[in-house]
Amino acid sequence: MVEEQIINLFCKDRLLYNKYFKYVSLNYIKTNYNNIYKLFMSIDSYYSKYKDKTTISKSELDIAYNNSYLLQEQERKELTDLVTRIIDQEPVNQDAIVDLLEQHRKRSLSGDIARIALNVEDGSQSVDELVSKFKEFEVKEIDSDINYVNMDLDDLYQEQFQKPGLRWRLNWLNQSLGSLRQGDFGFLFARPETGKTTFLASEITCMIQQTNGDILWFNNEEQGRKVATRIYQALFGVDIRTLFGEKREKYRAKYHEVIGNRIKVLDSEDSSHYKRIEEVLEASNPKLIIFDQIDKIRGFKSDRYDLELKQIYQWARELAKKYGPVIAVSQASGEAEGKLWLTMDMVDSSKTAKQGEADWILGIGMDHDNTSRRRYFNICKNKLIGDEDSLPDMRHAQGQILIKPDIARYEDI
């Protein structure tokens, strides 16, 4: 039956699913072919959950519908047999099925346009909604959405190695991690009151001077105005009394001369739900994105907390590809308390899920004595390419760094 062939195509090609799924007559299928309907909904659930997946295997589809529905043993067997028959069937005539889906898409749109036009006439819908629906006819060919990686070696050298990205204030990080470039996603983790916000302020006030774009700081930790003050301190390397003293107007003018409005700190409702964050990013020109704390971002759902966190980190990785590098902040678990050199297994609430999505991970440890100004940096993971001055022996280095909390700076020792 044709519905089985459509399922076969959707499992093999996410682009076809993206283009045609919403035009499939699910109500008709639910009434007449209930198991087929369950498979369509399982495909939709799977692709919605795993944004980076382009295909669905037989086993993945089997797991997807078992996660979506409470099935009796006989129902599970029927669906498993159905999946096997659909996925293992002879290759379908893709062109014929796509032509059929295209015809159905246009008929569906025509019906929608007719209904909206009547609503526009009686004033219950706007003309803009009618125009928007008309534009759905103008769908680009699927091939135009495919982005192939440029395989030219000279271009790879220029873009991935010779051309620096955003360099760190700390030379130790330039030698170990190297530049941050578009597509790079990583995070730092530490125990509370270690200096995570100070680290961010110290580094981004150096990076902002290397780009004409914006830095968006999504703040889910301390009060936003405190963060803003730390940014001023880090830029000028001054303590709070000096910043707010008799030269305050001079610092204010210099900040706007150097940075203007290009560091944007967002609080609460603008930084806690992923859909709102996406709206903000769409309206901005970010060259660097900060999430402090990333684990507090809401809107993702899963049966287990670690899998929910995995979704957040996968989402952050996709943002890095789309906009620019992403630096996230996470907490270290209780076992990191008092430890100098933090390791990957000390990341809070995750042994694998969060770590697997990152290109780089930095653990920051500190002495039991909270008055010490030494911090202990450990590069737990490093998949970055680096720069020409990066040192291979430091890819997974450990080192001591000096924190100056009174001026919101970290310095090399």
Protein backbone atom coordinates (compact mmCIF):
# COMPACT_ATOMS: atom_id res chain seq x y z
CA MET A 1 0.00 0.00 0.00
CA VAL A 2 1.16 3.52 -0.74
CA GLU A 3 1.29 4.59 2.94
CA GLU A 4 3.92 1.92 3.61
CA GLN A 5 6.03 3.20 0.73
CA ILE A 6 5.79 6.73 2.13
CA ILE A 7 6.98 5.48 5.52
CA ASN A 8 9.87 3.73 3.78
CA LEU A 9 10.90 7.00 2.10
CA PHE A 10 10.53 9.10 5.26
CA CYS A 11 12.80 6.68 7.16
CA LYS A 12 15.45 6.87 4.44
CA ASP A 13 15.36 10.63 3.85
CA ARG A 14 14.63 13.28 6.47
CA LEU A 15 14.40 15.98 3.79
CA LEU A 16 11.37 14.25 2.31
CA TYR A 17 9.85 13.97 5.78
CA ASN A 18 10.48 17.69 6.41
CA LYS A 19 8.80 18.68 3.17
CA TYR A 20 5.76 16.40 3.10
CA PHE A 21 4.89 15.01 6.52
CA LYS A 22 2.46 17.75 7.48
CA TYR A 23 0.46 17.15 4.31
CA VAL A 24 -0.15 13.43 4.96
CA SER A 25 -3.82 12.73 5.78
CA LEU A 26 -3.23 11.38 9.28
CA ASN A 27 -6.89 11.44 10.34
CA TYR A 28 -7.81 9.20 7.43
CA ILE A 29 -4.90 6.86 8.20
CA LYS A 30 -5.77 6.73 11.91
CA THR A 31 -9.32 5.69 11.08
CA ASN A 32 -8.45 3.07 8.47
CA TYR A 33 -4.92 1.88 9.23
CA ASN A 34 -4.24 2.41 12.94
CA ASN A 35 -0.83 0.66 13.05
CA ILE A 36 0.32 2.65 10.02
CA TYR A 37 -0.76 5.81 11.84
CA LYS A 38 1.36 4.80 14.87
CA LEU A 39 4.40 4.43 12.65
CA PHE A 40 3.88 7.86 11.08
CA MET A 41 3.63 9.42 14.54
CA SER A 42 6.70 7.50 15.76
CA ILE A 43 8.71 8.84 12.82
CA ASP A 44 7.56 12.37 13.63
CA SER A 45 8.46 11.92 17.30
CA TYR A 46 11.90 10.53 16.45
CA TYR A 47 12.91 13.29 14.02
CA SER A 48 11.55 15.97 16.38
CA LYS A 49 13.65 14.59 19.24
CA TYR A 50 16.87 13.90 17.33
CA LYS A 51 17.55 17.04 15.30
CA ASP A 52 20.81 15.73 13.82
CA LYS A 53 19.41 12.43 12.50
CA THR A 54 18.85 12.17 8.73
CA THR A 55 17.57 8.59 8.58
CA ILE A 56 15.79 6.06 10.81
CA SER A 57 16.89 2.44 10.94
CA LYS A 58 14.57 -0.51 11.53
CA SER A 59 15.72 -0.89 15.15
CA GLU A 60 15.41 2.86 15.80
CA LEU A 61 11.85 2.90 14.47
CA ASP A 62 11.04 -0.16 16.57
CA ILE A 63 12.31 1.60 19.71
CA ALA A 64 10.52 4.83 18.77
CA TYR A 65 7.03 3.33 18.63
CA ASN A 66 7.64 1.24 21.76
CA ASN A 67 8.57 4.47 23.56
CA SER A 68 5.51 6.25 22.17
CA TYR A 69 2.84 3.65 22.89
CA LEU A 70 1.94 1.22 25.67
CA LEU A 71 1.50 -1.96 23.66
CA GLN A 72 0.25 -5.42 24.46
CA GLU A 73 2.45 -8.31 23.37
CA GLN A 74 0.31 -9.07 20.32
CA GLU A 75 0.24 -5.40 19.27
CA ARG A 76 4.01 -5.19 19.63
CA LYS A 77 4.48 -8.27 17.46
CA GLU A 78 2.14 -6.88 14.79
CA LEU A 79 4.02 -3.58 14.67
CA THR A 80 7.42 -5.28 14.62
CA ASP A 81 6.33 -7.46 11.70
CA LEU A 82 4.95 -4.39 9.94
CA VAL A 83 8.21 -2.45 10.40
CA THR A 84 10.22 -5.38 9.06
CA ARG A 85 8.00 -5.63 5.99
CA ILE A 86 8.13 -1.89 5.29
CA ILE A 87 11.86 -1.33 5.79
CA ASP A 88 12.96 -4.55 4.05
CA GLN A 89 10.63 -4.24 1.05
CA GLU A 90 11.97 -3.90 -2.47
CA PRO A 91 13.10 -0.36 -3.37
CA VAL A 92 10.06 1.78 -4.05
CA ASN A 93 9.60 3.99 -7.09
CA GLN A 94 10.69 7.16 -5.31
CA ASP A 95 9.86 9.52 -8.16
CA ALA A 96 6.30 8.21 -8.37
CA ILE A 97 5.76 8.48 -4.59
CA VAL A 98 7.23 12.00 -4.50
CA ASP A 99 4.97 13.05 -7.39
CA LEU A 100 2.00 11.70 -5.45
CA LEU A 101 3.05 13.55 -2.29
CA GLU A 102 3.56 16.75 -4.28
CA GLN A 103 0.07 16.52 -5.76
CA HIS A 104 -1.37 15.92 -2.31
CA ARG A 105 0.62 18.87 -0.91
CA LYS A 106 -0.80 21.22 -3.54
CA ARG A 107 -4.38 19.97 -3.02
CA SER A 108 -4.01 20.41 0.72
CA LEU A 109 -2.66 23.94 0.31
CA SER A 110 -5.45 24.82 -2.12
CA GLY A 111 -8.04 23.75 0.45
CA ASP A 112 -6.32 25.78 3.16
CA ILE A 113 -6.19 28.84 0.92
CA ALA A 114 -9.89 28.56 0.11
CA ARG A 115 -10.81 28.36 3.81
CA ILE A 116 -8.50 31.24 4.81
CA ALA A 117 -9.85 33.40 1.95
CA LEU A 118 -13.40 33.00 3.30
CA ASN A 119 -12.16 33.89 6.79
CA VAL A 120 -10.38 36.97 5.42
CA GLU A 121 -13.64 38.02 3.81
CA ASP A 122 -15.55 37.83 7.11
CA GLY A 123 -12.67 39.39 9.09
CA SER A 124 -11.71 36.42 11.26
CA GLN A 125 -8.23 36.05 9.66
CA SER A 126 -5.75 38.52 8.22
CA VAL A 127 -4.59 38.97 4.64
CA ASP A 128 -1.01 38.29 5.86
CA GLU A 129 -2.04 34.74 6.80
CA LEU A 130 -3.45 34.23 3.30
CA VAL A 131 -0.26 35.56 1.69
CA SER A 132 1.86 33.34 3.94
CA LYS A 133 -0.11 30.27 2.88
CA PHE A 134 0.32 31.18 -0.80
CA LYS A 135 4.08 31.27 -0.26
CA GLU A 136 4.06 27.59 0.73
CA PHE A 137 3.55 26.81 -2.95
CA GLU A 138 7.00 28.24 -3.59
CA VAL A 139 8.94 25.39 -1.96
CA LYS A 140 12.56 25.06 -3.06
CA GLU A 141 13.69 21.83 -4.64
CA ILE A 142 14.99 19.42 -2.03
CA ASP A 143 18.48 19.27 -3.58
CA SER A 144 18.91 23.00 -2.95
CA ASP A 145 18.73 22.33 0.82
CA ILE A 146 21.68 19.94 0.80
CA ASN A 147 24.92 21.49 2.05
CA TYR A 148 27.95 19.49 0.96
CA VAL A 149 31.22 20.02 2.82
CA ASN A 150 33.91 21.81 0.83
CA MET A 151 36.67 19.20 0.39
CA ASP A 152 39.32 21.48 -1.14
CA LEU A 153 42.46 21.13 0.99
CA ASP A 154 43.60 24.74 0.51
CA ASP A 155 40.21 26.02 1.65
CA LEU A 156 40.27 23.67 4.65
CA TYR A 157 43.72 24.97 5.58
CA GLN A 158 42.64 28.60 5.29
CA GLU A 159 39.35 28.25 7.19
CA GLN A 160 40.21 25.60 9.78
CA PHE A 161 43.83 26.27 10.65
CA GLN A 162 45.58 29.35 9.28
CA LYS A 163 42.71 31.79 9.83
CA PRO A 164 42.34 32.30 13.61
CA GLY A 165 38.96 32.26 15.26
CA LEU A 166 38.24 33.90 18.59
CA ARG A 167 41.42 33.83 20.64
CA TRP A 168 41.52 33.56 24.42
CA ARG A 169 42.88 36.16 26.83
CA LEU A 170 44.80 33.33 28.53
CA ASN A 171 47.76 32.27 26.43
CA TRP A 172 47.61 28.88 28.19
CA LEU A 173 44.25 28.25 26.47
CA ASN A 174 45.55 29.45 23.09
CA GLN A 175 48.37 26.92 23.39
CA SER A 176 46.10 24.06 24.50
CA LEU A 177 42.69 24.58 22.89
CA GLY A 178 43.45 27.22 20.28
CA SER A 179 40.84 29.44 18.64
CA LEU A 180 37.09 28.98 18.86
CA ARG A 181 35.49 28.85 15.40
CA GLN A 182 31.98 28.50 14.07
CA GLY A 183 30.70 25.02 14.87
CA ASP A 184 32.78 24.65 18.05
CA PHE A 185 30.83 23.79 21.19
CA GLY A 186 32.35 23.21 24.60
CA PHE A 187 31.81 23.79 28.25
CA LEU A 188 33.61 24.46 31.51
CA PHE A 189 32.57 22.96 34.81
CA ALA A 190 33.50 23.65 38.42
CA ARG A 191 32.11 23.70 41.93
CA PRO A 192 30.11 26.77 43.10
CA GLU A 193 32.10 29.93 43.86
CA THR A 194 35.13 28.77 41.89
CA GLY A 195 35.09 31.72 39.49
CA LYS A 196 33.06 30.55 36.49
CA THR A 197 31.41 33.94 35.86
CA THR A 198 34.75 35.69 36.29
CA PHE A 199 36.26 33.33 33.72
CA LEU A 200 33.55 34.17 31.19
CA ALA A 201 33.81 37.91 31.76
CA SER A 202 37.60 37.81 31.50
CA GLU A 203 37.60 35.90 28.22
CA ILE A 204 34.68 37.47 26.33
CA THR A 205 35.92 41.01 26.93
CA CYS A 206 39.03 39.95 25.04
CA MET A 207 37.10 38.09 22.31
CA ILE A 208 34.62 40.94 21.65
CA GLN A 209 37.49 43.06 20.41
CA GLN A 210 38.28 40.48 17.72
CA THR A 211 34.91 40.60 15.97
CA ASN A 212 32.33 43.07 14.69
CA GLY A 213 29.48 40.77 15.73
CA ASP A 214 27.65 40.34 19.00
CA ILE A 215 28.22 38.14 22.03
CA LEU A 216 24.96 36.89 23.55
CA TRP A 217 25.19 35.81 27.18
CA PHE A 218 22.14 33.81 28.29
CA ASN A 219 22.24 34.12 32.06
CA ASN A 220 20.50 31.53 34.25
CA GLU A 221 22.76 31.93 37.24
CA GLU A 222 23.41 35.08 39.28
CA GLN A 223 21.60 38.39 38.90
CA GLY A 224 22.14 39.95 35.47
CA ARG A 225 23.29 43.37 36.68
CA LYS A 226 26.06 41.70 38.66
CA VAL A 227 27.19 39.99 35.48
CA ALA A 228 27.14 43.33 33.64
CA THR A 229 29.31 44.89 36.34
CA ARG A 230 31.80 42.02 36.09
CA ILE A 231 32.03 42.59 32.35
CA TYR A 232 32.94 46.26 32.90
CA GLN A 233 35.56 45.25 35.47
CA ALA A 234 37.07 42.60 33.21
CA LEU A 235 37.29 44.94 30.23
CA PHE A 236 39.24 47.58 32.13
CA GLY A 237 40.90 45.40 34.77
CA VAL A 238 39.73 47.56 37.68
CA ASP A 239 38.10 46.87 41.03
CA ILE A 240 34.54 47.91 41.84
CA ARG A 241 35.49 51.03 43.79
CA THR A 242 37.59 52.32 40.92
CA LEU A 243 34.89 51.48 38.35
CA PHE A 244 32.21 53.36 40.28
CA GLY A 245 34.54 56.13 41.45
CA GLU A 246 35.32 59.57 40.09
CA LYS A 247 36.31 58.20 36.66
CA ARG A 248 32.98 56.42 36.15
CA GLU A 249 31.98 58.58 33.18
CA LYS A 250 35.33 57.91 31.51
CA TYR A 251 34.82 54.12 31.81
CA ARG A 252 31.25 54.43 30.56
CA ALA A 253 32.34 56.35 27.44
CA LYS A 254 35.27 54.02 26.75
CA TYR A 255 33.03 50.94 27.07
CA HIS A 256 30.62 52.29 24.46
CA GLU A 257 33.52 53.25 22.21
CA VAL A 258 35.06 49.75 22.33
CA ILE A 259 31.99 47.53 22.67
CA GLY A 260 28.88 49.63 22.15
CA ASN A 261 25.88 47.33 22.55
CA ARG A 262 27.57 44.19 21.22
CA ILE A 263 27.69 42.26 24.51
CA LYS A 264 24.08 41.40 25.31
CA VAL A 265 23.25 39.80 28.66
CA LEU A 266 19.80 38.21 28.83
CA ASP A 267 18.04 37.22 32.03
CA SER A 268 15.17 34.95 33.18
CA GLU A 269 12.36 34.70 30.60
CA ASP A 270 14.71 35.46 27.70
CA SER A 271 17.29 32.84 28.66
CA SER A 272 15.51 29.91 30.30
CA HIS A 273 13.41 28.33 27.49
CA TYR A 274 15.01 27.07 24.30
CA LYS A 275 12.27 28.40 22.01
CA ARG A 276 12.65 31.92 23.37
CA ILE A 277 16.43 31.64 23.00
CA GLU A 278 15.98 30.64 19.36
CA GLU A 279 13.78 33.69 18.79
CA VAL A 280 16.43 35.98 20.28
CA LEU A 281 19.19 34.41 18.19
CA GLU A 282 17.15 34.76 14.99
CA ALA A 283 16.84 38.51 15.66
CA SER A 284 20.55 38.95 16.45
CA ASN A 285 23.97 38.67 14.85
CA PRO A 286 25.84 36.49 17.36
CA LYS A 287 29.46 35.57 16.81
CA LEU A 288 29.73 33.91 20.22
CA ILE A 289 27.00 32.44 22.45
CA ILE A 290 27.31 31.93 26.23
CA PHE A 291 25.02 29.70 28.31
CA ASP A 292 25.43 30.15 32.07
CA GLN A 293 24.04 27.69 33.28
CA ILE A 294 23.12 25.51 30.29
CA ASP A 295 21.53 22.72 32.37
CA LYS A 296 18.78 25.12 33.47
CA ILE A 297 17.42 25.63 29.95
CA ARG A 298 13.82 24.37 29.79
CA GLY A 299 11.61 22.92 27.10
CA PHE A 300 13.23 19.56 26.42
CA LYS A 301 11.51 16.39 27.60
CA SER A 302 12.72 12.83 28.06
CA ASP A 303 12.10 9.83 30.30
CA ARG A 304 15.44 10.30 32.05
CA TYR A 305 17.14 13.49 33.20
CA ASP A 306 20.49 12.58 31.63
CA LEU A 307 18.81 12.09 28.24
CA GLU A 308 17.06 15.44 28.61
CA LEU A 309 20.45 17.03 29.24
CA LYS A 310 21.80 15.26 26.16
CA GLN A 311 19.07 16.94 24.09
CA ILE A 312 20.06 20.36 25.47
CA TYR A 313 23.72 19.81 24.58
CA GLN A 314 22.86 18.49 21.10
CA TRP A 315 20.75 21.58 20.55
CA ALA A 316 23.62 23.84 21.66
CA ARG A 317 25.94 22.09 19.21
CA GLU A 318 23.52 22.85 16.35
CA LEU A 319 23.43 26.51 17.39
CA ALA A 320 27.23 26.59 17.20
CA LYS A 321 27.06 25.35 13.61
CA LYS A 322 24.43 27.91 12.67
CA TYR A 323 25.72 31.04 14.39
CA GLY A 324 29.14 30.80 15.98
CA PRO A 325 31.02 29.08 18.80
CA VAL A 326 29.11 28.26 21.98
CA ILE A 327 30.63 28.30 25.48
CA ALA A 328 28.46 26.68 28.15
CA VAL A 329 28.82 26.45 31.91
CA SER A 330 27.91 23.41 33.99
CA GLN A 331 28.37 22.43 37.61
CA ALA A 332 30.79 19.85 38.93
CA SER A 333 29.32 17.07 41.08
CA GLY A 334 29.90 16.76 44.80
CA GLU A 335 32.81 14.38 44.31
CA ALA A 336 34.78 17.32 42.85
CA GLU A 337 34.64 19.24 46.14
CA GLY A 338 38.15 20.13 47.25
CA LYS A 339 39.75 18.48 44.19
CA LEU A 340 42.42 20.33 42.25
CA TRP A 341 42.24 18.46 38.96
CA LEU A 342 38.67 17.78 37.86
CA THR A 343 37.99 14.94 35.45
CA MET A 344 35.14 14.30 33.00
CA ASP A 345 33.36 11.88 35.31
CA MET A 346 32.89 14.75 37.79
CA VAL A 347 30.50 16.64 35.48
CA ASP A 348 27.22 17.00 37.36
CA SER A 349 24.30 14.67 36.44
CA SER A 350 26.08 12.94 33.58
CA LYS A 351 28.79 10.38 33.00
CA THR A 352 28.55 10.34 29.19
CA ALA A 353 25.54 12.16 27.69
CA LYS A 354 26.75 15.75 28.10
CA GLN A 355 30.41 15.02 27.54
CA GLY A 356 29.79 13.23 24.24
CA GLU A 357 28.34 16.34 22.57
CA ALA A 358 31.21 18.71 23.37
CA ASP A 359 34.29 19.51 21.28
CA TRP A 360 36.16 20.67 24.35
CA ILE A 361 35.70 20.45 28.12
CA LEU A 362 37.57 22.44 30.75
CA GLY A 363 37.49 21.47 34.43
CA ILE A 364 38.42 24.16 36.95
CA GLY A 365 39.51 23.03 40.41
CA MET A 366 40.52 24.96 43.52
CA ASP A 367 42.22 24.50 46.88
CA HIS A 368 40.32 23.70 50.06
CA ASP A 369 41.47 27.14 51.21
CA ASN A 370 38.96 29.51 49.61
CA THR A 371 41.38 32.41 50.00
CA SER A 372 43.79 30.91 47.45
CA ARG A 373 43.93 32.66 44.09
CA ARG A 374 45.22 29.65 42.20
CA ARG A 375 42.88 27.70 39.94
CA TYR A 376 43.73 24.34 38.46
CA PHE A 377 42.80 23.96 34.79
CA ASN A 378 42.41 20.51 33.24
CA ILE A 379 41.57 20.06 29.53
CA CYS A 380 39.38 16.96 29.90
CA LYS A 381 38.44 16.78 26.21
CA ASN A 382 39.83 18.50 23.13
CA LYS A 383 38.67 17.84 19.57
CA LEU A 384 39.54 21.34 18.34
CA ILE A 385 42.02 21.77 15.50
CA GLY A 386 43.94 24.57 17.19
CA ASP A 387 46.13 27.27 15.64
CA GLU A 388 49.63 27.42 14.26
CA ASP A 389 50.95 28.37 17.71
CA SER A 390 49.02 25.67 19.58
CA LEU A 391 51.21 23.03 21.18
CA PRO A 392 50.42 19.33 20.54
CA ASP A 393 51.79 18.36 23.97
CA MET A 394 49.22 20.67 25.61
CA ARG A 395 46.08 19.29 23.94
CA HIS A 396 45.10 17.63 27.22
CA ALA A 397 47.20 19.77 29.53
CA GLN A 398 46.92 20.57 33.19
CA GLY A 399 48.05 23.94 34.49
CA GLN A 400 47.77 26.50 37.26
CA ILE A 401 46.14 29.85 36.48
CA LEU A 402 45.81 32.95 38.65
CA ILE A 403 42.35 34.39 39.37
CA LYS A 404 41.94 38.05 40.33
CA PRO A 405 38.31 38.25 41.40
CA ASP A 406 38.61 41.89 42.47
CA ILE A 407 39.13 42.88 38.81
CA ALA A 408 37.23 39.95 37.18
CA ARG A 409 40.29 38.61 35.40
CA TYR A 410 42.19 35.35 35.02
CA GLU A 411 45.92 35.63 34.25
CA ASP A 412 48.66 33.26 33.15
CA ILE A 413 51.23 32.44 35.81
